[in-house]
Amino acid sequence: MSRRKKRNKLNDWHHRRCSSRGGKNTDENLIQVNKGKHESWHHNFKNFHPEIICLIINKVWLDPDFYFTCHKK
């Protein structure tokens, strides 16, 4: 049985790469996360590209003595 078919009342399936940007329903792209945290993620970061998410984290959430970065593998 595919991971996608398993259901859990407390968790949602989250696409690591957004389906709106080509993310597939594959095991390596899907992860179960807490529903409340999943909703918070999308409330704060929508489906933004990771670089934009880093900018938001730096501007809003992170101690100004630090800088959060991301780079493509």
PDB file of N, CA and C in Angstrom:
ATOM      1  N   MET A   1       0.840  -1.184   0.000  1.00  0.00           N
ATOM      2  CA  MET A   1       0.000   0.000   0.000  1.00  0.00           C
ATOM      3  C   MET A   1       0.887   1.249   0.000  1.00  0.00           C
ATOM      4  N   SER A   2       0.576   2.193  -0.825  1.00  0.00           N
ATOM      5  CA  SER A   2       1.324   3.447  -0.904  1.00  0.00           C
ATOM      6  C   SER A   2       1.135   4.262   0.365  1.00  0.00           C
ATOM      7  N   ARG A   3       2.181   4.990   0.735  1.00  0.00           N
ATOM      8  CA  ARG A   3       2.065   5.884   1.895  1.00  0.00           C
ATOM      9  C   ARG A   3       0.922   6.856   1.709  1.00  0.00           C
ATOM     10  N   ARG A   4       0.659   7.267   0.480  1.00  0.00           N
ATOM     11  CA  ARG A   4      -0.364   8.258   0.181  1.00  0.00           C
ATOM     12  C   ARG A   4      -1.748   7.775   0.615  1.00  0.00           C
ATOM     13  N   LYS A   5      -1.979   6.467   0.596  1.00  0.00           N
ATOM     14  CA  LYS A   5      -3.305   5.932   0.901  1.00  0.00           C
ATOM     15  C   LYS A   5      -3.564   5.805   2.392  1.00  0.00           C
ATOM     16  N   LYS A   6      -2.519   5.827   3.210  1.00  0.00           N
ATOM     17  CA  LYS A   6      -2.713   5.700   4.652  1.00  0.00           C
ATOM     18  C   LYS A   6      -3.253   7.008   5.201  1.00  0.00           C
ATOM     19  N   ARG A   7      -4.255   6.956   6.045  1.00  0.00           N
ATOM     20  CA  ARG A   7      -4.888   8.145   6.603  1.00  0.00           C
ATOM     21  C   ARG A   7      -4.624   8.224   8.101  1.00  0.00           C
ATOM     22  N   ASN A   8      -4.606   9.440   8.606  1.00  0.00           N
ATOM     23  CA  ASN A   8      -4.398   9.685  10.019  1.00  0.00           C
ATOM     24  C   ASN A   8      -5.162  10.948  10.371  1.00  0.00           C
ATOM     25  N   LYS A   9      -5.992  10.894  11.405  1.00  0.00           N
ATOM     26  CA  LYS A   9      -6.829  12.039  11.766  1.00  0.00           C
ATOM     27  C   LYS A   9      -6.039  13.245  12.254  1.00  0.00           C
ATOM     28  N   LEU A  10      -4.842  13.029  12.780  1.00  0.00           N
ATOM     29  CA  LEU A  10      -4.052  14.128  13.343  1.00  0.00           C
ATOM     30  C   LEU A  10      -3.066  14.727  12.351  1.00  0.00           C
ATOM     31  N   ASN A  11      -2.841  14.040  11.247  1.00  0.00           N
ATOM     32  CA  ASN A  11      -1.815  14.468  10.301  1.00  0.00           C
ATOM     33  C   ASN A  11      -2.386  14.744   8.919  1.00  0.00           C
ATOM     34  N   ASP A  12      -1.656  15.563   8.174  1.00  0.00           N
ATOM     35  CA  ASP A  12      -1.934  15.840   6.765  1.00  0.00           C
ATOM     36  C   ASP A  12      -0.732  15.406   5.950  1.00  0.00           C
ATOM     37  N   TRP A  13      -0.946  15.196   4.656  1.00  0.00           N
ATOM     38  CA  TRP A  13       0.161  14.962   3.746  1.00  0.00           C
ATOM     39  C   TRP A  13       0.652  16.306   3.239  1.00  0.00           C
ATOM     40  N   HIS A  14       1.945  16.524   3.340  1.00  0.00           N
ATOM     41  CA  HIS A  14       2.572  17.758   2.869  1.00  0.00           C
ATOM     42  C   HIS A  14       3.501  17.425   1.720  1.00  0.00           C
ATOM     43  N   HIS A  15       3.351  18.175   0.614  1.00  0.00           N
ATOM     44  CA  HIS A  15       4.275  18.030  -0.515  1.00  0.00           C
ATOM     45  C   HIS A  15       5.527  18.833  -0.204  1.00  0.00           C
ATOM     46  N   ARG A  16       6.664  18.192  -0.190  1.00  0.00           N
ATOM     47  CA  ARG A  16       7.926  18.892   0.051  1.00  0.00           C
ATOM     48  C   ARG A  16       8.213  19.845  -1.101  1.00  0.00           C
ATOM     49  N   ARG A  17       7.994  19.419  -2.321  1.00  0.00           N
ATOM     50  CA  ARG A  17       7.977  20.330  -3.477  1.00  0.00           C
ATOM     51  C   ARG A  17       6.505  20.483  -3.844  1.00  0.00           C
ATOM     52  N   CYS A  18       6.042  21.712  -3.830  1.00  0.00           N
ATOM     53  CA  CYS A  18       4.623  21.993  -4.075  1.00  0.00           C
ATOM     54  C   CYS A  18       4.153  21.366  -5.379  1.00  0.00           C
ATOM     55  N   SER A  19       2.961  20.819  -5.341  1.00  0.00           N
ATOM     56  CA  SER A  19       2.401  20.260  -6.568  1.00  0.00           C
ATOM     57  C   SER A  19       2.193  21.354  -7.606  1.00  0.00           C
ATOM     58  N   SER A  20       1.985  22.598  -7.152  1.00  0.00           N
ATOM     59  CA  SER A  20       1.825  23.710  -8.092  1.00  0.00           C
ATOM     60  C   SER A  20       3.120  24.026  -8.834  1.00  0.00           C
ATOM     61  N   ARG A  21       4.248  23.508  -8.325  1.00  0.00           N
ATOM     62  CA  ARG A  21       5.535  23.687  -9.005  1.00  0.00           C
ATOM     63  C   ARG A  21       6.110  22.355  -9.460  1.00  0.00           C
ATOM     64  N   GLY A  22       5.238  21.422  -9.736  1.00  0.00           N
ATOM     65  CA  GLY A  22       5.680  20.156 -10.320  1.00  0.00           C
ATOM     66  C   GLY A  22       5.936  19.037  -9.334  1.00  0.00           C
ATOM     67  N   GLY A  23       5.668  19.251  -8.053  1.00  0.00           N
ATOM     68  CA  GLY A  23       5.856  18.194  -7.069  1.00  0.00           C
ATOM     69  C   GLY A  23       4.893  17.043  -7.297  1.00  0.00           C
ATOM     70  N   LYS A  24       5.406  15.845  -7.204  1.00  0.00           N
ATOM     71  CA  LYS A  24       4.619  14.637  -7.482  1.00  0.00           C
ATOM     72  C   LYS A  24       4.113  14.007  -6.182  1.00  0.00           C
ATOM     73  N   ASN A  25       3.157  13.109  -6.327  1.00  0.00           N
ATOM     74  CA  ASN A  25       2.622  12.349  -5.194  1.00  0.00           C
ATOM     75  C   ASN A  25       3.444  11.084  -4.988  1.00  0.00           C
ATOM     76  N   THR A  26       4.745  11.264  -4.763  1.00  0.00           N
ATOM     77  CA  THR A  26       5.647  10.135  -4.571  1.00  0.00           C
ATOM     78  C   THR A  26       6.091  10.087  -3.104  1.00  0.00           C
ATOM     79  N   ASP A  27       6.554   8.924  -2.693  1.00  0.00           N
ATOM     80  CA  ASP A  27       6.987   8.762  -1.304  1.00  0.00           C
ATOM     81  C   ASP A  27       8.075   9.759  -0.918  1.00  0.00           C
ATOM     82  N   GLU A  28       9.005  10.049  -1.824  1.00  0.00           N
ATOM     83  CA  GLU A  28      10.094  10.967  -1.476  1.00  0.00           C
ATOM     84  C   GLU A  28       9.642  12.423  -1.422  1.00  0.00           C
ATOM     85  N   ASN A  29       8.467  12.751  -1.976  1.00  0.00           N
ATOM     86  CA  ASN A  29       7.994  14.130  -1.974  1.00  0.00           C
ATOM     87  C   ASN A  29       6.881  14.367  -0.953  1.00  0.00           C
ATOM     88  N   LEU A  30       6.340  13.328  -0.368  1.00  0.00           N
ATOM     89  CA  LEU A  30       5.245  13.461   0.594  1.00  0.00           C
ATOM     90  C   LEU A  30       5.712  13.097   1.992  1.00  0.00           C
ATOM     91  N   ILE A  31       5.254  13.889   2.953  1.00  0.00           N
ATOM     92  CA  ILE A  31       5.549  13.590   4.349  1.00  0.00           C
ATOM     93  C   ILE A  31       4.317  13.930   5.180  1.00  0.00           C
ATOM     94  N   GLN A  32       4.058  13.116   6.191  1.00  0.00           N
ATOM     95  CA  GLN A  32       2.939  13.413   7.086  1.00  0.00           C
ATOM     96  C   GLN A  32       3.402  14.409   8.143  1.00  0.00           C
ATOM     97  N   VAL A  33       2.612  15.454   8.316  1.00  0.00           N
ATOM     98  CA  VAL A  33       2.893  16.456   9.345  1.00  0.00           C
ATOM     99  C   VAL A  33       1.617  16.729  10.122  1.00  0.00           C
ATOM    100  N   ASN A  34       1.779  17.207  11.323  1.00  0.00           N
ATOM    101  CA  ASN A  34       0.656  17.584  12.169  1.00  0.00           C
ATOM    102  C   ASN A  34      -0.233  18.580  11.437  1.00  0.00           C
ATOM    103  N   LYS A  35      -1.555  18.383  11.478  1.00  0.00           N
ATOM    104  CA  LYS A  35      -2.484  19.238  10.739  1.00  0.00           C
ATOM    105  C   LYS A  35      -2.355  20.703  11.117  1.00  0.00           C
ATOM    106  N   GLY A  36      -2.251  21.005  12.408  1.00  0.00           N
ATOM    107  CA  GLY A  36      -2.132  22.394  12.847  1.00  0.00           C
ATOM    108  C   GLY A  36      -0.855  23.040  12.349  1.00  0.00           C
ATOM    109  N   LYS A  37       0.255  22.297  12.408  1.00  0.00           N
ATOM    110  CA  LYS A  37       1.525  22.825  11.917  1.00  0.00           C
ATOM    111  C   LYS A  37       1.493  22.995  10.399  1.00  0.00           C
ATOM    112  N   HIS A  38       0.837  22.082   9.706  1.00  0.00           N
ATOM    113  CA  HIS A  38       0.703  22.180   8.264  1.00  0.00           C
ATOM    114  C   HIS A  38      -0.088  23.433   7.879  1.00  0.00           C
ATOM    115  N   GLU A  39      -1.187  23.668   8.573  1.00  0.00           N
ATOM    116  CA  GLU A  39      -1.983  24.876   8.318  1.00  0.00           C
ATOM    117  C   GLU A  39      -1.174  26.129   8.608  1.00  0.00           C
ATOM    118  N   SER A  40      -0.401  26.120   9.701  1.00  0.00           N
ATOM    119  CA  SER A  40       0.437  27.273  10.040  1.00  0.00           C
ATOM    120  C   SER A  40       1.490  27.526   8.974  1.00  0.00           C
ATOM    121  N   TRP A  41       2.103  26.464   8.476  1.00  0.00           N
ATOM    122  CA  TRP A  41       3.114  26.602   7.416  1.00  0.00           C
ATOM    123  C   TRP A  41       2.516  27.338   6.216  1.00  0.00           C
ATOM    124  N   HIS A  42       1.361  26.860   5.755  1.00  0.00           N
ATOM    125  CA  HIS A  42       0.759  27.467   4.568  1.00  0.00           C
ATOM    126  C   HIS A  42       0.198  28.862   4.856  1.00  0.00           C
ATOM    127  N   HIS A  43      -0.218  29.106   6.072  1.00  0.00           N
ATOM    128  CA  HIS A  43      -0.654  30.453   6.445  1.00  0.00           C
ATOM    129  C   HIS A  43       0.520  31.431   6.354  1.00  0.00           C
ATOM    130  N   ASN A  44       1.672  31.018   6.854  1.00  0.00           N
ATOM    131  CA  ASN A  44       2.851  31.888   6.882  1.00  0.00           C
ATOM    132  C   ASN A  44       3.603  31.941   5.561  1.00  0.00           C
ATOM    133  N   PHE A  45       3.702  30.805   4.879  1.00  0.00           N
ATOM    134  CA  PHE A  45       4.600  30.714   3.729  1.00  0.00           C
ATOM    135  C   PHE A  45       3.915  30.365   2.408  1.00  0.00           C
ATOM    136  N   LYS A  46       2.586  30.218   2.434  1.00  0.00           N
ATOM    137  CA  LYS A  46       1.831  29.883   1.220  1.00  0.00           C
ATOM    138  C   LYS A  46       2.531  28.723   0.493  1.00  0.00           C
ATOM    139  N   ASN A  47       2.727  28.864  -0.800  1.00  0.00           N
ATOM    140  CA  ASN A  47       3.504  27.890  -1.583  1.00  0.00           C
ATOM    141  C   ASN A  47       4.725  28.578  -2.164  1.00  0.00           C
ATOM    142  N   PHE A  48       5.300  29.490  -1.379  1.00  0.00           N
ATOM    143  CA  PHE A  48       6.450  30.248  -1.845  1.00  0.00           C
ATOM    144  C   PHE A  48       7.651  29.351  -2.101  1.00  0.00           C
ATOM    145  N   HIS A  49       8.527  29.820  -2.977  1.00  0.00           N
ATOM    146  CA  HIS A  49       9.795  29.159  -3.275  1.00  0.00           C
ATOM    147  C   HIS A  49      10.660  29.195  -2.006  1.00  0.00           C
ATOM    148  N   PRO A  50      11.495  28.191  -1.762  1.00  0.00           N
ATOM    149  CA  PRO A  50      12.325  28.159  -0.552  1.00  0.00           C
ATOM    150  C   PRO A  50      13.147  29.430  -0.313  1.00  0.00           C
ATOM    151  N   GLU A  51      13.637  30.059  -1.366  1.00  0.00           N
ATOM    152  CA  GLU A  51      14.425  31.288  -1.180  1.00  0.00           C
ATOM    153  C   GLU A  51      13.577  32.408  -0.589  1.00  0.00           C
ATOM    154  N   ILE A  52      12.321  32.501  -0.989  1.00  0.00           N
ATOM    155  CA  ILE A  52      11.413  33.511  -0.436  1.00  0.00           C
ATOM    156  C   ILE A  52      11.092  33.180   1.019  1.00  0.00           C
ATOM    157  N   ILE A  53      10.910  31.903   1.322  1.00  0.00           N
ATOM    158  CA  ILE A  53      10.656  31.478   2.699  1.00  0.00           C
ATOM    159  C   ILE A  53      11.829  31.889   3.593  1.00  0.00           C
ATOM    160  N   CYS A  54      13.056  31.705   3.116  1.00  0.00           N
ATOM    161  CA  CYS A  54      14.235  32.121   3.888  1.00  0.00           C
ATOM    162  C   CYS A  54      14.216  33.623   4.148  1.00  0.00           C
ATOM    163  N   LEU A  55      13.850  34.414   3.149  1.00  0.00           N
ATOM    164  CA  LEU A  55      13.776  35.863   3.335  1.00  0.00           C
ATOM    165  C   LEU A  55      12.750  36.236   4.401  1.00  0.00           C
ATOM    166  N   ILE A  56      11.600  35.568   4.372  1.00  0.00           N
ATOM    167  CA  ILE A  56      10.553  35.828   5.371  1.00  0.00           C
ATOM    168  C   ILE A  56      11.046  35.445   6.762  1.00  0.00           C
ATOM    169  N   ILE A  57      11.658  34.280   6.885  1.00  0.00           N
ATOM    170  CA  ILE A  57      12.178  33.839   8.183  1.00  0.00           C
ATOM    171  C   ILE A  57      13.185  34.846   8.717  1.00  0.00           C
ATOM    172  N   ASN A  58      14.084  35.308   7.864  1.00  0.00           N
ATOM    173  CA  ASN A  58      15.091  36.278   8.299  1.00  0.00           C
ATOM    174  C   ASN A  58      14.471  37.602   8.712  1.00  0.00           C
ATOM    175  N   LYS A  59      13.496  38.069   7.980  1.00  0.00           N
ATOM    176  CA  LYS A  59      12.897  39.379   8.249  1.00  0.00           C
ATOM    177  C   LYS A  59      11.985  39.355   9.478  1.00  0.00           C
ATOM    178  N   VAL A  60      11.256  38.254   9.662  1.00  0.00           N
ATOM    179  CA  VAL A  60      10.202  38.224  10.678  1.00  0.00           C
ATOM    180  C   VAL A  60      10.557  37.405  11.917  1.00  0.00           C
ATOM    181  N   TRP A  61      11.148  36.254  11.729  1.00  0.00           N
ATOM    182  CA  TRP A  61      11.224  35.272  12.803  1.00  0.00           C
ATOM    183  C   TRP A  61      12.577  35.110  13.461  1.00  0.00           C
ATOM    184  N   LEU A  62      13.657  35.362  12.761  1.00  0.00           N
ATOM    185  CA  LEU A  62      14.976  34.973  13.248  1.00  0.00           C
ATOM    186  C   LEU A  62      15.683  36.105  13.981  1.00  0.00           C
ATOM    187  N   ASP A  63      16.440  35.752  14.990  1.00  0.00           N
ATOM    188  CA  ASP A  63      17.317  36.676  15.703  1.00  0.00           C
ATOM    189  C   ASP A  63      18.156  37.432  14.674  1.00  0.00           C
ATOM    190  N   PRO A  64      18.194  38.774  14.728  1.00  0.00           N
ATOM    191  CA  PRO A  64      18.928  39.541  13.715  1.00  0.00           C
ATOM    192  C   PRO A  64      20.431  39.290  13.701  1.00  0.00           C
ATOM    193  N   ASP A  65      20.969  38.631  14.719  1.00  0.00           N
ATOM    194  CA  ASP A  65      22.394  38.288  14.711  1.00  0.00           C
ATOM    195  C   ASP A  65      22.689  37.063  13.842  1.00  0.00           C
ATOM    196  N   PHE A  66      21.645  36.449  13.309  1.00  0.00           N
ATOM    197  CA  PHE A  66      21.795  35.252  12.483  1.00  0.00           C
ATOM    198  C   PHE A  66      21.138  35.479  11.133  1.00  0.00           C
ATOM    199  N   TYR A  67      21.541  34.657  10.169  1.00  0.00           N
ATOM    200  CA  TYR A  67      20.956  34.723   8.845  1.00  0.00           C
ATOM    201  C   TYR A  67      20.732  33.308   8.340  1.00  0.00           C
ATOM    202  N   PHE A  68      19.502  33.003   8.022  1.00  0.00           N
ATOM    203  CA  PHE A  68      19.099  31.678   7.547  1.00  0.00           C
ATOM    204  C   PHE A  68      19.210  31.651   6.028  1.00  0.00           C
ATOM    205  N   THR A  69      19.861  30.629   5.486  1.00  0.00           N
ATOM    206  CA  THR A  69      20.026  30.541   4.039  1.00  0.00           C
ATOM    207  C   THR A  69      19.574  29.175   3.536  1.00  0.00           C
ATOM    208  N   CYS A  70      19.312  29.122   2.259  1.00  0.00           N
ATOM    209  CA  CYS A  70      19.049  27.845   1.609  1.00  0.00           C
ATOM    210  C   CYS A  70      19.717  27.878   0.250  1.00  0.00           C
ATOM    211  N   HIS A  71      20.085  26.727  -0.219  1.00  0.00           N
ATOM    212  CA  HIS A  71      20.677  26.621  -1.552  1.00  0.00           C
ATOM    213  C   HIS A  71      20.306  25.295  -2.159  1.00  0.00           C
ATOM    214  N   LYS A  72      20.200  25.291  -3.451  1.00  0.00           N
ATOM    215  CA  LYS A  72      19.835  24.077  -4.149  1.00  0.00           C
ATOM    216  C   LYS A  72      20.975  23.063  -4.105  1.00  0.00           C
ATOM    217  N   LYS A  73      20.645  21.813  -3.903  1.00  0.00           N
ATOM    218  CA  LYS A  73      21.653  20.744  -3.847  1.00  0.00           C
ATOM    219  C   LYS A  73      22.397  20.634  -5.159  1.00  0.00           C
TER     220      LYS A  73
END
